[in-house]
Amino acid sequence: LEQAAQDNADDAEKMQEQKASEEEIN
């Protein structure tokens, strides 16, 4: 369960990084 929570946190962090990267491209 803790690993699943960590995976979700990692996914959220990746999404934020991707969003920031997209904003930089824009």
mmCIF file of all heavy atoms, coordinates in Angstrom:
data_MODEL
# 
_entry.id   MODEL 
# 
loop_
_atom_site.group_PDB 
_atom_site.id 
_atom_site.type_symbol 
_atom_site.label_atom_id 
_atom_site.label_alt_id 
_atom_site.label_comp_id 
_atom_site.label_asym_id 
_atom_site.label_entity_id 
_atom_site.label_seq_id 
_atom_site.pdbx_PDB_ins_code 
_atom_site.Cartn_x 
_atom_site.Cartn_y 
_atom_site.Cartn_z 
_atom_site.occupancy 
_atom_site.B_iso_or_equiv 
_atom_site.pdbx_formal_charge 
_atom_site.auth_seq_id 
_atom_site.auth_comp_id 
_atom_site.auth_asym_id 
_atom_site.auth_atom_id 
_atom_site.pdbx_PDB_model_num 
ATOM 1   N N   . LEU A 1 1  ? 0.823  -1.203 0.000   1.00 0.00 ? 1  LEU A N   1 
ATOM 2   C CA  . LEU A 1 1  ? 0.000  0.000  0.000   1.00 0.00 ? 1  LEU A CA  1 
ATOM 3   C C   . LEU A 1 1  ? 0.862  1.260  0.000   1.00 0.00 ? 1  LEU A C   1 
ATOM 4   O O   . LEU A 1 1  ? 0.575  2.232  -0.698  1.00 0.00 ? 1  LEU A O   1 
ATOM 5   C CB  . LEU A 1 1  ? -0.936 -0.003 1.222   1.00 0.00 ? 1  LEU A CB  1 
ATOM 6   C CG  . LEU A 1 1  ? -1.981 -1.113 1.255   1.00 0.00 ? 1  LEU A CG  1 
ATOM 7   C CD1 . LEU A 1 1  ? -2.742 -1.072 2.569   1.00 0.00 ? 1  LEU A CD1 1 
ATOM 8   C CD2 . LEU A 1 1  ? -2.937 -0.975 0.089   1.00 0.00 ? 1  LEU A CD2 1 
ATOM 9   N N   . GLU A 1 2  ? 1.945  1.222  0.809   1.00 0.00 ? 2  GLU A N   1 
ATOM 10  C CA  . GLU A 1 2  ? 2.845  2.367  0.854   1.00 0.00 ? 2  GLU A CA  1 
ATOM 11  C C   . GLU A 1 2  ? 3.523  2.580  -0.498  1.00 0.00 ? 2  GLU A C   1 
ATOM 12  O O   . GLU A 1 2  ? 3.704  3.707  -0.953  1.00 0.00 ? 2  GLU A O   1 
ATOM 13  C CB  . GLU A 1 2  ? 3.914  2.150  1.939   1.00 0.00 ? 2  GLU A CB  1 
ATOM 14  C CG  . GLU A 1 2  ? 3.350  2.236  3.355   1.00 0.00 ? 2  GLU A CG  1 
ATOM 15  C CD  . GLU A 1 2  ? 4.351  1.762  4.399   1.00 0.00 ? 2  GLU A CD  1 
ATOM 16  O OE1 . GLU A 1 2  ? 5.475  1.380  3.999   1.00 0.00 ? 2  GLU A OE1 1 
ATOM 17  O OE2 . GLU A 1 2  ? 4.001  1.767  5.592   1.00 0.00 ? 2  GLU A OE2 1 
ATOM 18  N N   . GLN A 1 3  ? 3.889  1.469  -1.176  1.00 0.00 ? 3  GLN A N   1 
ATOM 19  C CA  . GLN A 1 3  ? 4.506  1.578  -2.485  1.00 0.00 ? 3  GLN A CA  1 
ATOM 20  C C   . GLN A 1 3  ? 3.523  2.165  -3.491  1.00 0.00 ? 3  GLN A C   1 
ATOM 21  O O   . GLN A 1 3  ? 3.899  2.968  -4.351  1.00 0.00 ? 3  GLN A O   1 
ATOM 22  C CB  . GLN A 1 3  ? 4.980  0.196  -2.961  1.00 0.00 ? 3  GLN A CB  1 
ATOM 23  C CG  . GLN A 1 3  ? 5.736  0.212  -4.286  1.00 0.00 ? 3  GLN A CG  1 
ATOM 24  C CD  . GLN A 1 3  ? 6.993  1.048  -4.236  1.00 0.00 ? 3  GLN A CD  1 
ATOM 25  O OE1 . GLN A 1 3  ? 7.785  0.911  -3.313  1.00 0.00 ? 3  GLN A OE1 1 
ATOM 26  N NE2 . GLN A 1 3  ? 7.152  1.947  -5.201  1.00 0.00 ? 3  GLN A NE2 1 
ATOM 27  N N   . ALA A 1 4  ? 2.245  1.733  -3.389  1.00 0.00 ? 4  ALA A N   1 
ATOM 28  C CA  . ALA A 1 4  ? 1.228  2.276  -4.289  1.00 0.00 ? 4  ALA A CA  1 
ATOM 29  C C   . ALA A 1 4  ? 1.068  3.776  -4.081  1.00 0.00 ? 4  ALA A C   1 
ATOM 30  O O   . ALA A 1 4  ? 0.940  4.543  -5.045  1.00 0.00 ? 4  ALA A O   1 
ATOM 31  C CB  . ALA A 1 4  ? -0.114 1.559  -4.060  1.00 0.00 ? 4  ALA A CB  1 
ATOM 32  N N   . ALA A 1 5  ? 1.079  4.195  -2.800  1.00 0.00 ? 5  ALA A N   1 
ATOM 33  C CA  . ALA A 1 5  ? 0.983  5.625  -2.499  1.00 0.00 ? 5  ALA A CA  1 
ATOM 34  C C   . ALA A 1 5  ? 2.192  6.374  -3.064  1.00 0.00 ? 5  ALA A C   1 
ATOM 35  O O   . ALA A 1 5  ? 2.060  7.480  -3.616  1.00 0.00 ? 5  ALA A O   1 
ATOM 36  C CB  . ALA A 1 5  ? 0.890  5.841  -0.989  1.00 0.00 ? 5  ALA A CB  1 
ATOM 37  N N   . GLN A 1 6  ? 3.387  5.755  -2.927  1.00 0.00 ? 6  GLN A N   1 
ATOM 38  C CA  . GLN A 1 6  ? 4.598  6.382  -3.456  1.00 0.00 ? 6  GLN A CA  1 
ATOM 39  C C   . GLN A 1 6  ? 4.531  6.475  -4.981  1.00 0.00 ? 6  GLN A C   1 
ATOM 40  O O   . GLN A 1 6  ? 4.932  7.478  -5.573  1.00 0.00 ? 6  GLN A O   1 
ATOM 41  C CB  . GLN A 1 6  ? 5.834  5.579  -3.034  1.00 0.00 ? 6  GLN A CB  1 
ATOM 42  C CG  . GLN A 1 6  ? 7.166  6.182  -3.477  1.00 0.00 ? 6  GLN A CG  1 
ATOM 43  C CD  . GLN A 1 6  ? 7.389  7.565  -2.885  1.00 0.00 ? 6  GLN A CD  1 
ATOM 44  O OE1 . GLN A 1 6  ? 7.240  7.759  -1.688  1.00 0.00 ? 6  GLN A OE1 1 
ATOM 45  N NE2 . GLN A 1 6  ? 7.728  8.525  -3.740  1.00 0.00 ? 6  GLN A NE2 1 
ATOM 46  N N   . ASP A 1 7  ? 4.018  5.409  -5.610  1.00 0.00 ? 7  ASP A N   1 
ATOM 47  C CA  . ASP A 1 7  ? 3.878  5.417  -7.069  1.00 0.00 ? 7  ASP A CA  1 
ATOM 48  C C   . ASP A 1 7  ? 2.950  6.531  -7.517  1.00 0.00 ? 7  ASP A C   1 
ATOM 49  O O   . ASP A 1 7  ? 3.208  7.212  -8.520  1.00 0.00 ? 7  ASP A O   1 
ATOM 50  C CB  . ASP A 1 7  ? 3.330  4.067  -7.557  1.00 0.00 ? 7  ASP A CB  1 
ATOM 51  C CG  . ASP A 1 7  ? 4.352  2.945  -7.396  1.00 0.00 ? 7  ASP A CG  1 
ATOM 52  O OD1 . ASP A 1 7  ? 5.546  3.261  -7.226  1.00 0.00 ? 7  ASP A OD1 1 
ATOM 53  O OD2 . ASP A 1 7  ? 3.938  1.767  -7.426  1.00 0.00 ? 7  ASP A OD2 1 
ATOM 54  N N   . ASN A 1 8  ? 1.845  6.714  -6.756  1.00 0.00 ? 8  ASN A N   1 
ATOM 55  C CA  . ASN A 1 8  ? 0.916  7.795  -7.088  1.00 0.00 ? 8  ASN A CA  1 
ATOM 56  C C   . ASN A 1 8  ? 1.590  9.156  -6.947  1.00 0.00 ? 8  ASN A C   1 
ATOM 57  O O   . ASN A 1 8  ? 1.385  10.054 -7.768  1.00 0.00 ? 8  ASN A O   1 
ATOM 58  C CB  . ASN A 1 8  ? -0.320 7.733  -6.179  1.00 0.00 ? 8  ASN A CB  1 
ATOM 59  C CG  . ASN A 1 8  ? -1.196 6.542  -6.489  1.00 0.00 ? 8  ASN A CG  1 
ATOM 60  O OD1 . ASN A 1 8  ? -1.161 6.020  -7.605  1.00 0.00 ? 8  ASN A OD1 1 
ATOM 61  N ND2 . ASN A 1 8  ? -1.967 6.086  -5.515  1.00 0.00 ? 8  ASN A ND2 1 
ATOM 62  N N   . ALA A 1 9  ? 2.390  9.306  -5.877  1.00 0.00 ? 9  ALA A N   1 
ATOM 63  C CA  . ALA A 1 9  ? 3.111  10.564 -5.667  1.00 0.00 ? 9  ALA A CA  1 
ATOM 64  C C   . ALA A 1 9  ? 4.113  10.805 -6.785  1.00 0.00 ? 9  ALA A C   1 
ATOM 65  O O   . ALA A 1 9  ? 4.261  11.924 -7.287  1.00 0.00 ? 9  ALA A O   1 
ATOM 66  C CB  . ALA A 1 9  ? 3.826  10.536 -4.315  1.00 0.00 ? 9  ALA A CB  1 
ATOM 67  N N   . ASP A 1 10 ? 4.806  9.729  -7.195  1.00 0.00 ? 10 ASP A N   1 
ATOM 68  C CA  . ASP A 1 10 ? 5.771  9.845  -8.293  1.00 0.00 ? 10 ASP A CA  1 
ATOM 69  C C   . ASP A 1 10 ? 5.074  10.232 -9.586  1.00 0.00 ? 10 ASP A C   1 
ATOM 70  O O   . ASP A 1 10 ? 5.578  11.063 -10.362 1.00 0.00 ? 10 ASP A O   1 
ATOM 71  C CB  . ASP A 1 10 ? 6.522  8.520  -8.486  1.00 0.00 ? 10 ASP A CB  1 
ATOM 72  C CG  . ASP A 1 10 ? 7.445  8.204  -7.315  1.00 0.00 ? 10 ASP A CG  1 
ATOM 73  O OD1 . ASP A 1 10 ? 7.746  9.133  -6.543  1.00 0.00 ? 10 ASP A OD1 1 
ATOM 74  O OD2 . ASP A 1 10 ? 7.850  7.032  -7.186  1.00 0.00 ? 10 ASP A OD2 1 
ATOM 75  N N   . ASP A 1 11 ? 3.883  9.610  -9.823  1.00 0.00 ? 11 ASP A N   1 
ATOM 76  C CA  . ASP A 1 11 ? 3.124  9.947  -11.036 1.00 0.00 ? 11 ASP A CA  1 
ATOM 77  C C   . ASP A 1 11 ? 2.702  11.408 -11.024 1.00 0.00 ? 11 ASP A C   1 
ATOM 78  O O   . ASP A 1 11 ? 2.761  12.098 -12.056 1.00 0.00 ? 11 ASP A O   1 
ATOM 79  C CB  . ASP A 1 11 ? 1.876  9.055  -11.145 1.00 0.00 ? 11 ASP A CB  1 
ATOM 80  C CG  . ASP A 1 11 ? 2.239  7.607  -11.453 1.00 0.00 ? 11 ASP A CG  1 
ATOM 81  O OD1 . ASP A 1 11 ? 3.366  7.368  -11.914 1.00 0.00 ? 11 ASP A OD1 1 
ATOM 82  O OD2 . ASP A 1 11 ? 1.390  6.719  -11.220 1.00 0.00 ? 11 ASP A OD2 1 
ATOM 83  N N   . ALA A 1 12 ? 2.266  11.887 -9.838  1.00 0.00 ? 12 ALA A N   1 
ATOM 84  C CA  . ALA A 1 12 ? 1.854  13.288 -9.719  1.00 0.00 ? 12 ALA A CA  1 
ATOM 85  C C   . ALA A 1 12 ? 3.032  14.220 -9.975  1.00 0.00 ? 12 ALA A C   1 
ATOM 86  O O   . ALA A 1 12 ? 2.891  15.252 -10.655 1.00 0.00 ? 12 ALA A O   1 
ATOM 87  C CB  . ALA A 1 12 ? 1.281  13.538 -8.324  1.00 0.00 ? 12 ALA A CB  1 
ATOM 88  N N   . GLU A 1 13 ? 4.203  13.827 -9.452  1.00 0.00 ? 13 GLU A N   1 
ATOM 89  C CA  . GLU A 1 13 ? 5.399  14.654 -9.655  1.00 0.00 ? 13 GLU A CA  1 
ATOM 90  C C   . GLU A 1 13 ? 5.787  14.701 -11.134 1.00 0.00 ? 13 GLU A C   1 
ATOM 91  O O   . GLU A 1 13 ? 6.144  15.755 -11.665 1.00 0.00 ? 13 GLU A O   1 
ATOM 92  C CB  . GLU A 1 13 ? 6.560  14.088 -8.825  1.00 0.00 ? 13 GLU A CB  1 
ATOM 93  C CG  . GLU A 1 13 ? 7.802  14.964 -8.854  1.00 0.00 ? 13 GLU A CG  1 
ATOM 94  C CD  . GLU A 1 13 ? 8.887  14.419 -7.953  1.00 0.00 ? 13 GLU A CD  1 
ATOM 95  O OE1 . GLU A 1 13 ? 8.595  13.532 -7.139  1.00 0.00 ? 13 GLU A OE1 1 
ATOM 96  O OE2 . GLU A 1 13 ? 10.036 14.873 -8.082  1.00 0.00 ? 13 GLU A OE2 1 
ATOM 97  N N   . LYS A 1 14 ? 5.684  13.537 -11.796 1.00 0.00 ? 14 LYS A N   1 
ATOM 98  C CA  . LYS A 1 14 ? 5.998  13.481 -13.218 1.00 0.00 ? 14 LYS A CA  1 
ATOM 99  C C   . LYS A 1 14 ? 5.045  14.345 -14.032 1.00 0.00 ? 14 LYS A C   1 
ATOM 100 O O   . LYS A 1 14 ? 5.433  15.012 -14.994 1.00 0.00 ? 14 LYS A O   1 
ATOM 101 C CB  . LYS A 1 14 ? 5.934  12.030 -13.716 1.00 0.00 ? 14 LYS A CB  1 
ATOM 102 C CG  . LYS A 1 14 ? 7.100  11.171 -13.244 1.00 0.00 ? 14 LYS A CG  1 
ATOM 103 C CD  . LYS A 1 14 ? 6.932  9.744  -13.724 1.00 0.00 ? 14 LYS A CD  1 
ATOM 104 C CE  . LYS A 1 14 ? 8.073  8.873  -13.206 1.00 0.00 ? 14 LYS A CE  1 
ATOM 105 N NZ  . LYS A 1 14 ? 7.903  7.452  -13.608 1.00 0.00 ? 14 LYS A NZ  1 
ATOM 106 N N   . MET A 1 15 ? 3.764  14.312 -13.622 1.00 0.00 ? 15 MET A N   1 
ATOM 107 C CA  . MET A 1 15 ? 2.766  15.127 -14.328 1.00 0.00 ? 15 MET A CA  1 
ATOM 108 C C   . MET A 1 15 ? 3.070  16.602 -14.166 1.00 0.00 ? 15 MET A C   1 
ATOM 109 O O   . MET A 1 15 ? 2.950  17.392 -15.111 1.00 0.00 ? 15 MET A O   1 
ATOM 110 C CB  . MET A 1 15 ? 1.362  14.805 -13.803 1.00 0.00 ? 15 MET A CB  1 
ATOM 111 C CG  . MET A 1 15 ? 0.835  13.437 -14.226 1.00 0.00 ? 15 MET A CG  1 
ATOM 112 S SD  . MET A 1 15 ? -0.827 13.087 -13.602 1.00 0.00 ? 15 MET A SD  1 
ATOM 113 C CE  . MET A 1 15 ? -1.763 14.325 -14.479 1.00 0.00 ? 15 MET A CE  1 
ATOM 114 N N   . GLN A 1 16 ? 3.490  17.000 -12.940 1.00 0.00 ? 16 GLN A N   1 
ATOM 115 C CA  . GLN A 1 16 ? 3.850  18.397 -12.710 1.00 0.00 ? 16 GLN A CA  1 
ATOM 116 C C   . GLN A 1 16 ? 5.061  18.796 -13.545 1.00 0.00 ? 16 GLN A C   1 
ATOM 117 O O   . GLN A 1 16 ? 5.097  19.888 -14.131 1.00 0.00 ? 16 GLN A O   1 
ATOM 118 C CB  . GLN A 1 16 ? 4.130  18.621 -11.226 1.00 0.00 ? 16 GLN A CB  1 
ATOM 119 C CG  . GLN A 1 16 ? 2.892  18.563 -10.344 1.00 0.00 ? 16 GLN A CG  1 
ATOM 120 C CD  . GLN A 1 16 ? 3.219  18.783 -8.884  1.00 0.00 ? 16 GLN A CD  1 
ATOM 121 O OE1 . GLN A 1 16 ? 4.384  18.786 -8.495  1.00 0.00 ? 16 GLN A OE1 1 
ATOM 122 N NE2 . GLN A 1 16 ? 2.190  18.956 -8.078  1.00 0.00 ? 16 GLN A NE2 1 
ATOM 123 N N   . GLU A 1 17 ? 6.061  17.883 -13.600 1.00 0.00 ? 17 GLU A N   1 
ATOM 124 C CA  . GLU A 1 17 ? 7.246  18.164 -14.410 1.00 0.00 ? 17 GLU A CA  1 
ATOM 125 C C   . GLU A 1 17 ? 6.900  18.288 -15.881 1.00 0.00 ? 17 GLU A C   1 
ATOM 126 O O   . GLU A 1 17 ? 7.400  19.171 -16.585 1.00 0.00 ? 17 GLU A O   1 
ATOM 127 C CB  . GLU A 1 17 ? 8.287  17.054 -14.203 1.00 0.00 ? 17 GLU A CB  1 
ATOM 128 C CG  . GLU A 1 17 ? 8.929  17.060 -12.817 1.00 0.00 ? 17 GLU A CG  1 
ATOM 129 C CD  . GLU A 1 17 ? 9.850  15.882 -12.612 1.00 0.00 ? 17 GLU A CD  1 
ATOM 130 O OE1 . GLU A 1 17 ? 9.907  15.028 -13.524 1.00 0.00 ? 17 GLU A OE1 1 
ATOM 131 O OE2 . GLU A 1 17 ? 10.504 15.805 -11.556 1.00 0.00 ? 17 GLU A OE2 1 
ATOM 132 N N   . GLN A 1 18 ? 6.001  17.375 -16.337 1.00 0.00 ? 18 GLN A N   1 
ATOM 133 C CA  . GLN A 1 18 ? 5.587  17.414 -17.730 1.00 0.00 ? 18 GLN A CA  1 
ATOM 134 C C   . GLN A 1 18 ? 4.827  18.703 -18.038 1.00 0.00 ? 18 GLN A C   1 
ATOM 135 O O   . GLN A 1 18 ? 5.019  19.327 -19.078 1.00 0.00 ? 18 GLN A O   1 
ATOM 136 C CB  . GLN A 1 18 ? 4.710  16.198 -18.039 1.00 0.00 ? 18 GLN A CB  1 
ATOM 137 C CG  . GLN A 1 18 ? 4.297  16.094 -19.514 1.00 0.00 ? 18 GLN A CG  1 
ATOM 138 C CD  . GLN A 1 18 ? 3.490  14.839 -19.780 1.00 0.00 ? 18 GLN A CD  1 
ATOM 139 O OE1 . GLN A 1 18 ? 3.302  14.023 -18.896 1.00 0.00 ? 18 GLN A OE1 1 
ATOM 140 N NE2 . GLN A 1 18 ? 3.020  14.699 -21.008 1.00 0.00 ? 18 GLN A NE2 1 
ATOM 141 N N   . LYS A 1 19 ? 3.966  19.111 -17.083 1.00 0.00 ? 19 LYS A N   1 
ATOM 142 C CA  . LYS A 1 19 ? 3.189  20.328 -17.261 1.00 0.00 ? 19 LYS A CA  1 
ATOM 143 C C   . LYS A 1 19 ? 4.111  21.544 -17.319 1.00 0.00 ? 19 LYS A C   1 
ATOM 144 O O   . LYS A 1 19 ? 3.939  22.440 -18.161 1.00 0.00 ? 19 LYS A O   1 
ATOM 145 C CB  . LYS A 1 19 ? 2.185  20.484 -16.118 1.00 0.00 ? 19 LYS A CB  1 
ATOM 146 C CG  . LYS A 1 19 ? 1.233  21.663 -16.276 1.00 0.00 ? 19 LYS A CG  1 
ATOM 147 C CD  . LYS A 1 19 ? 0.220  21.677 -15.133 1.00 0.00 ? 19 LYS A CD  1 
ATOM 148 C CE  . LYS A 1 19 ? -0.723 22.860 -15.292 1.00 0.00 ? 19 LYS A CE  1 
ATOM 149 N NZ  . LYS A 1 19 ? -1.709 22.923 -14.193 1.00 0.00 ? 19 LYS A NZ  1 
ATOM 150 N N   . ALA A 1 20 ? 5.114  21.563 -16.412 1.00 0.00 ? 20 ALA A N   1 
ATOM 151 C CA  . ALA A 1 20 ? 6.065  22.675 -16.400 1.00 0.00 ? 20 ALA A CA  1 
ATOM 152 C C   . ALA A 1 20 ? 6.855  22.722 -17.699 1.00 0.00 ? 20 ALA A C   1 
ATOM 153 O O   . ALA A 1 20 ? 7.110  23.792 -18.256 1.00 0.00 ? 20 ALA A O   1 
ATOM 154 C CB  . ALA A 1 20 ? 7.013  22.523 -15.208 1.00 0.00 ? 20 ALA A CB  1 
ATOM 155 N N   . SER A 1 21 ? 7.215  21.509 -18.183 1.00 0.00 ? 21 SER A N   1 
ATOM 156 C CA  . SER A 1 21 ? 7.963  21.438 -19.435 1.00 0.00 ? 21 SER A CA  1 
ATOM 157 C C   . SER A 1 21 ? 7.123  21.951 -20.588 1.00 0.00 ? 21 SER A C   1 
ATOM 158 O O   . SER A 1 21 ? 7.608  22.687 -21.468 1.00 0.00 ? 21 SER A O   1 
ATOM 159 C CB  . SER A 1 21 ? 8.388  19.988 -19.688 1.00 0.00 ? 21 SER A CB  1 
ATOM 160 O OG  . SER A 1 21 ? 9.045  19.863 -20.918 1.00 0.00 ? 21 SER A OG  1 
ATOM 161 N N   . GLU A 1 22 ? 5.824  21.580 -20.601 1.00 0.00 ? 22 GLU A N   1 
ATOM 162 C CA  . GLU A 1 22 ? 4.929  22.046 -21.661 1.00 0.00 ? 22 GLU A CA  1 
ATOM 163 C C   . GLU A 1 22 ? 4.760  23.561 -21.620 1.00 0.00 ? 22 GLU A C   1 
ATOM 164 O O   . GLU A 1 22 ? 4.703  24.231 -22.656 1.00 0.00 ? 22 GLU A O   1 
ATOM 165 C CB  . GLU A 1 22 ? 3.566  21.355 -21.537 1.00 0.00 ? 22 GLU A CB  1 
ATOM 166 C CG  . GLU A 1 22 ? 3.606  19.865 -21.893 1.00 0.00 ? 22 GLU A CG  1 
ATOM 167 C CD  . GLU A 1 22 ? 2.296  19.178 -21.589 1.00 0.00 ? 22 GLU A CD  1 
ATOM 168 O OE1 . GLU A 1 22 ? 1.417  19.837 -20.967 1.00 0.00 ? 22 GLU A OE1 1 
ATOM 169 O OE2 . GLU A 1 22 ? 2.153  17.996 -21.954 1.00 0.00 ? 22 GLU A OE2 1 
ATOM 170 N N   . GLU A 1 23 ? 4.688  24.111 -20.383 1.00 0.00 ? 23 GLU A N   1 
ATOM 171 C CA  . GLU A 1 23 ? 4.562  25.567 -20.242 1.00 0.00 ? 23 GLU A CA  1 
ATOM 172 C C   . GLU A 1 23 ? 5.804  26.269 -20.770 1.00 0.00 ? 23 GLU A C   1 
ATOM 173 O O   . GLU A 1 23 ? 5.727  27.304 -21.422 1.00 0.00 ? 23 GLU A O   1 
ATOM 174 C CB  . GLU A 1 23 ? 4.333  25.919 -18.767 1.00 0.00 ? 23 GLU A CB  1 
ATOM 175 C CG  . GLU A 1 23 ? 2.949  25.540 -18.263 1.00 0.00 ? 23 GLU A CG  1 
ATOM 176 C CD  . GLU A 1 23 ? 2.783  25.802 -16.784 1.00 0.00 ? 23 GLU A CD  1 
ATOM 177 O OE1 . GLU A 1 23 ? 3.785  26.125 -16.130 1.00 0.00 ? 23 GLU A OE1 1 
ATOM 178 O OE2 . GLU A 1 23 ? 1.641  25.668 -16.288 1.00 0.00 ? 23 GLU A OE2 1 
ATOM 179 N N   . GLU A 1 24 ? 6.999  25.661 -20.497 1.00 0.00 ? 24 GLU A N   1 
ATOM 180 C CA  . GLU A 1 24 ? 8.237  26.248 -21.010 1.00 0.00 ? 24 GLU A CA  1 
ATOM 181 C C   . GLU A 1 24 ? 8.247  26.245 -22.535 1.00 0.00 ? 24 GLU A C   1 
ATOM 182 O O   . GLU A 1 24 ? 8.683  27.216 -23.175 1.00 0.00 ? 24 GLU A O   1 
ATOM 183 C CB  . GLU A 1 24 ? 9.442  25.467 -20.478 1.00 0.00 ? 24 GLU A CB  1 
ATOM 184 C CG  . GLU A 1 24 ? 9.709  25.691 -18.995 1.00 0.00 ? 24 GLU A CG  1 
ATOM 185 C CD  . GLU A 1 24 ? 10.871 24.857 -18.495 1.00 0.00 ? 24 GLU A CD  1 
ATOM 186 O OE1 . GLU A 1 24 ? 11.493 24.170 -19.329 1.00 0.00 ? 24 GLU A OE1 1 
ATOM 187 O OE2 . GLU A 1 24 ? 11.145 24.896 -17.282 1.00 0.00 ? 24 GLU A OE2 1 
ATOM 188 N N   . ILE A 1 25 ? 7.766  25.118 -23.113 1.00 0.00 ? 25 ILE A N   1 
ATOM 189 C CA  . ILE A 1 25 ? 7.715  25.029 -24.576 1.00 0.00 ? 25 ILE A CA  1 
ATOM 190 C C   . ILE A 1 25 ? 6.774  26.075 -25.136 1.00 0.00 ? 25 ILE A C   1 
ATOM 191 O O   . ILE A 1 25 ? 7.067  26.748 -26.137 1.00 0.00 ? 25 ILE A O   1 
ATOM 192 C CB  . ILE A 1 25 ? 7.270  23.618 -25.009 1.00 0.00 ? 25 ILE A CB  1 
ATOM 193 C CG1 . ILE A 1 25 ? 8.362  22.605 -24.654 1.00 0.00 ? 25 ILE A CG1 1 
ATOM 194 C CG2 . ILE A 1 25 ? 6.956  23.562 -26.493 1.00 0.00 ? 25 ILE A CG2 1 
ATOM 195 C CD1 . ILE A 1 25 ? 7.944  21.162 -24.827 1.00 0.00 ? 25 ILE A CD1 1 
ATOM 196 N N   . ASN A 1 26 ? 5.600  26.250 -24.482 1.00 0.00 ? 26 ASN A N   1 
ATOM 197 C CA  . ASN A 1 26 ? 4.628  27.231 -24.941 1.00 0.00 ? 26 ASN A CA  1 
ATOM 198 C C   . ASN A 1 26 ? 5.204  28.643 -24.889 1.00 0.00 ? 26 ASN A C   1 
ATOM 199 O O   . ASN A 1 26 ? 5.002  29.454 -25.796 1.00 0.00 ? 26 ASN A O   1 
ATOM 200 C CB  . ASN A 1 26 ? 3.347  27.149 -24.106 1.00 0.00 ? 26 ASN A CB  1 
ATOM 201 C CG  . ASN A 1 26 ? 2.587  25.857 -24.378 1.00 0.00 ? 26 ASN A CG  1 
ATOM 202 O OD1 . ASN A 1 26 ? 2.731  25.250 -25.447 1.00 0.00 ? 26 ASN A OD1 1 
ATOM 203 N ND2 . ASN A 1 26 ? 1.774  25.432 -23.406 1.00 0.00 ? 26 ASN A ND2 1 
# 
